[in-house]
Amino acid sequence: MTLALDAAAQDLLFREARTANTFTDEPVSDEQVRAVYDLVKFGPTAFNQQPLRIVLVRTDEGRERLLQHMAEGNRAKTATAPLVAILAQDNEFHEELPTQLPHFPQAKDMFFSERPVREASATLNGALQAAYFIIGVRAAGLAAGPMTGYDAAGLNKEFFADGEHSVLAVVNIGKPGDDAWFPRSPRLEYDEVVTTV
């Protein structure tokens, strides 16, 4: 084998994993979400900045607040998913750098004193962490339904009115239901993606 991960794990995380569009009503526990986070928190980010913030939408009131900002095609599946996570970036992540980057605490002011620089870095590194989170959901034996079809300004105003956070994605989470998958779309082949210089 050229990969250290066994074939079953490769299938679970990538080859057989799919974006789910329907879910059973089996609940997703806080313990499952904690286990996912406790695994994926080790994924790398620049300066160990860890800008991802997660809002778990569990209440009916929270679900209604969310649904009004989802694109029409995403509302029904978001309304019925056992759990929905709003993934956001913390644009003030630099405040945590002195404790999360203890060997270089001056990075906070040296590199991230300006908001536009922080936002750009938080977007890239938050997106990395969002991808780790989706893989972690799969590692827990659950299906993820990540979406970017929503009114971002509306979601930010609704859930992050302080302006310190910005939504990155909304992810439905649970056990896949009936007809959960669309046909798999094609993937580019190695030679179409990889060049050597």
Protein backbone atom coordinates (compact mmCIF):
# COMPACT_ATOMS: atom_id res chain seq x y z
CA MET A 1 0.00 0.00 0.00
CA THR A 2 1.15 3.50 -0.76
CA LEU A 3 -1.16 5.01 1.89
CA ALA A 4 -0.89 4.31 5.62
CA LEU A 5 -4.67 4.58 6.04
CA ASP A 6 -6.42 1.27 5.39
CA ALA A 7 -8.88 0.92 2.51
CA ALA A 8 -11.95 0.93 4.78
CA ALA A 9 -10.90 4.23 6.34
CA GLN A 10 -10.15 5.68 2.91
CA ASP A 11 -13.65 4.71 1.80
CA LEU A 12 -15.24 6.13 4.96
CA LEU A 13 -13.51 9.48 4.62
CA PHE A 14 -13.33 9.93 0.84
CA ARG A 15 -14.23 7.32 -1.76
CA GLU A 16 -17.63 6.27 -0.41
CA ALA A 17 -18.40 9.46 1.53
CA ARG A 18 -20.91 11.79 -0.06
CA THR A 19 -22.69 15.03 0.61
CA ALA A 20 -26.00 14.00 2.16
CA ASN A 21 -29.27 15.65 1.18
CA THR A 22 -31.60 13.65 3.43
CA PHE A 23 -31.14 12.33 6.94
CA THR A 24 -32.79 9.92 9.35
CA ASP A 25 -34.23 11.35 12.56
CA GLU A 26 -31.50 9.68 14.67
CA PRO A 27 -30.08 12.45 16.88
CA VAL A 28 -26.49 13.64 16.85
CA SER A 29 -25.20 13.99 20.40
CA ASP A 30 -23.01 16.66 21.92
CA GLU A 31 -20.55 13.87 22.70
CA GLN A 32 -20.29 13.00 19.00
CA VAL A 33 -19.67 16.62 18.05
CA ARG A 34 -17.09 16.97 20.82
CA ALA A 35 -15.31 13.84 19.56
CA VAL A 36 -15.27 15.28 16.04
CA TYR A 37 -13.85 18.58 17.25
CA ASP A 38 -11.30 16.92 19.55
CA LEU A 39 -9.98 15.03 16.50
CA VAL A 40 -9.95 17.78 13.89
CA LYS A 41 -8.59 20.55 16.11
CA PHE A 42 -5.14 19.15 15.34
CA GLY A 43 -5.35 20.05 11.64
CA PRO A 44 -2.76 22.69 10.73
CA THR A 45 -3.48 26.41 10.39
CA ALA A 46 -1.08 29.29 9.77
CA PHE A 47 0.42 30.55 13.03
CA ASN A 48 -1.81 27.97 14.76
CA GLN A 49 -4.50 30.64 14.53
CA GLN A 50 -7.54 28.30 14.67
CA PRO A 51 -10.16 30.85 13.51
CA LEU A 52 -13.03 28.35 13.13
CA ARG A 53 -16.03 28.91 15.40
CA ILE A 54 -19.01 26.55 15.41
CA VAL A 55 -22.62 27.34 16.31
CA LEU A 56 -24.74 24.22 16.80
CA VAL A 57 -28.36 24.88 15.91
CA ARG A 58 -30.43 22.59 18.16
CA THR A 59 -33.51 24.61 19.17
CA ASP A 60 -36.64 25.22 17.10
CA GLU A 61 -36.13 28.95 17.57
CA GLY A 62 -32.54 28.73 16.33
CA ARG A 63 -33.62 26.63 13.36
CA GLU A 64 -36.25 29.21 12.37
CA ARG A 65 -33.69 32.00 12.63
CA LEU A 66 -31.39 30.03 10.33
CA LEU A 67 -33.98 28.87 7.79
CA GLN A 68 -35.07 32.37 6.86
CA HIS A 69 -31.56 33.01 5.48
CA MET A 70 -31.07 29.71 3.63
CA ALA A 71 -31.50 29.52 -0.14
CA GLU A 72 -34.86 28.02 -1.08
CA GLY A 73 -33.28 24.79 -2.34
CA ASN A 74 -31.53 24.26 1.00
CA ARG A 75 -34.40 25.01 3.38
CA ALA A 76 -36.20 21.65 3.49
CA LYS A 77 -33.09 19.57 4.15
CA THR A 78 -31.86 22.08 6.73
CA ALA A 79 -35.26 22.00 8.44
CA THR A 80 -35.16 18.22 8.82
CA ALA A 81 -31.48 17.48 9.51
CA PRO A 82 -30.90 16.17 13.05
CA LEU A 83 -28.21 18.79 13.64
CA VAL A 84 -27.06 21.89 11.79
CA ALA A 85 -23.71 23.56 12.39
CA ILE A 86 -22.98 27.11 11.32
CA LEU A 87 -19.25 27.32 10.66
CA ALA A 88 -17.79 30.79 11.01
CA GLN A 89 -14.43 32.49 11.10
CA ASP A 90 -13.35 34.55 14.07
CA ASN A 91 -11.93 37.76 12.62
CA GLU A 92 -10.42 38.56 16.01
CA PHE A 93 -8.54 35.24 16.27
CA HIS A 94 -5.32 37.16 16.89
CA GLU A 95 -6.39 37.78 20.48
CA GLU A 96 -5.78 34.06 21.15
CA LEU A 97 -2.32 33.95 19.53
CA PRO A 98 -0.28 34.68 22.67
CA THR A 99 -1.58 31.44 24.22
CA GLN A 100 -1.86 29.38 21.01
CA LEU A 101 1.54 30.40 19.65
CA PRO A 102 3.48 30.77 22.91
CA HIS A 103 6.92 30.66 21.26
CA PHE A 104 6.03 33.70 19.10
CA PRO A 105 3.42 35.79 20.95
CA GLN A 106 4.44 38.96 19.11
CA ALA A 107 2.85 37.53 15.93
CA LYS A 108 -0.43 39.00 17.16
CA ASP A 109 0.75 42.57 16.60
CA MET A 110 3.50 41.94 14.04
CA PHE A 111 1.26 40.26 11.44
CA PHE A 112 -2.37 40.72 12.40
CA SER A 113 -2.83 44.24 13.71
CA GLU A 114 -4.91 45.26 10.65
CA ARG A 115 -8.46 43.92 10.25
CA PRO A 116 -8.30 43.27 6.45
CA VAL A 117 -5.20 41.10 6.94
CA ARG A 118 -6.89 39.18 9.75
CA GLU A 119 -10.05 38.63 7.72
CA ALA A 120 -8.14 37.27 4.72
CA SER A 121 -6.14 34.92 6.92
CA ALA A 122 -9.23 33.85 8.86
CA THR A 123 -11.07 33.07 5.62
CA LEU A 124 -8.32 30.79 4.31
CA ASN A 125 -7.56 29.07 7.59
CA GLY A 126 -11.21 28.88 8.64
CA ALA A 127 -11.99 27.18 5.32
CA LEU A 128 -9.22 24.66 6.02
CA GLN A 129 -10.71 23.96 9.42
CA ALA A 130 -14.20 23.66 7.91
CA ALA A 131 -12.85 20.96 5.58
CA TYR A 132 -11.24 19.18 8.53
CA PHE A 133 -14.59 19.36 10.33
CA ILE A 134 -16.42 17.73 7.43
CA ILE A 135 -13.86 14.91 7.34
CA GLY A 136 -14.24 14.56 11.11
CA VAL A 137 -18.01 14.21 10.75
CA ARG A 138 -17.37 11.39 8.28
CA ALA A 139 -14.87 9.81 10.68
CA ALA A 140 -17.67 9.69 13.26
CA GLY A 141 -19.74 7.56 10.88
CA LEU A 142 -22.06 10.46 10.12
CA ALA A 143 -22.86 12.25 6.88
CA ALA A 144 -22.30 15.94 6.29
CA GLY A 145 -24.25 18.20 3.99
CA PRO A 146 -22.13 21.35 3.64
CA MET A 147 -23.79 24.34 1.97
CA THR A 148 -22.92 27.87 0.96
CA GLY A 149 -26.37 28.60 -0.46
CA TYR A 150 -27.57 31.25 1.99
CA ASP A 151 -27.76 34.99 2.52
CA ALA A 152 -24.39 35.55 4.18
CA ALA A 153 -25.13 39.13 5.22
CA GLY A 154 -28.41 38.00 6.76
CA LEU A 155 -26.80 35.10 8.62
CA ASN A 156 -24.01 37.33 9.90
CA LYS A 157 -26.52 39.87 11.16
CA GLU A 158 -28.69 37.15 12.71
CA PHE A 159 -25.99 35.13 14.46
CA PHE A 160 -22.86 37.32 14.52
CA ALA A 161 -24.17 40.83 15.02
CA ASP A 162 -21.02 41.90 16.87
CA GLY A 163 -19.12 41.82 13.55
CA GLU A 164 -16.31 39.72 15.01
CA HIS A 165 -17.35 36.56 13.14
CA SER A 166 -18.31 35.81 9.53
CA VAL A 167 -20.15 32.73 8.27
CA LEU A 168 -18.13 30.27 6.15
CA ALA A 169 -20.59 27.41 5.62
CA VAL A 170 -23.68 25.73 7.00
CA VAL A 171 -23.41 21.96 7.51
CA ASN A 172 -26.30 19.55 8.02
CA ILE A 173 -25.17 16.53 10.07
CA GLY A 174 -26.69 13.12 10.72
CA LYS A 175 -27.15 9.58 9.49
CA PRO A 176 -28.03 9.55 5.78
CA GLY A 177 -31.68 9.01 4.97
CA ASP A 178 -33.48 7.59 1.95
CA ASP A 179 -32.18 8.79 -1.42
CA ALA A 180 -29.54 10.85 0.37
CA TRP A 181 -27.12 11.06 -2.52
CA PHE A 182 -27.08 12.70 -5.91
CA PRO A 183 -25.10 10.77 -8.54
CA ARG A 184 -21.39 11.31 -7.96
CA SER A 185 -19.98 14.03 -10.17
CA PRO A 186 -16.74 13.38 -12.09
CA ARG A 187 -13.37 14.17 -10.55
CA LEU A 188 -10.30 15.44 -12.36
CA GLU A 189 -7.55 12.87 -12.86
CA TYR A 190 -4.05 13.17 -11.43
CA ASP A 191 -2.47 14.25 -14.72
CA GLU A 192 -5.06 17.00 -15.10
CA VAL A 193 -4.13 18.50 -11.74
CA VAL A 194 -0.51 17.73 -10.95
CA THR A 195 2.53 19.16 -12.72
CA THR A 196 6.18 18.96 -11.80
CA VAL A 197 8.71 21.74 -12.19
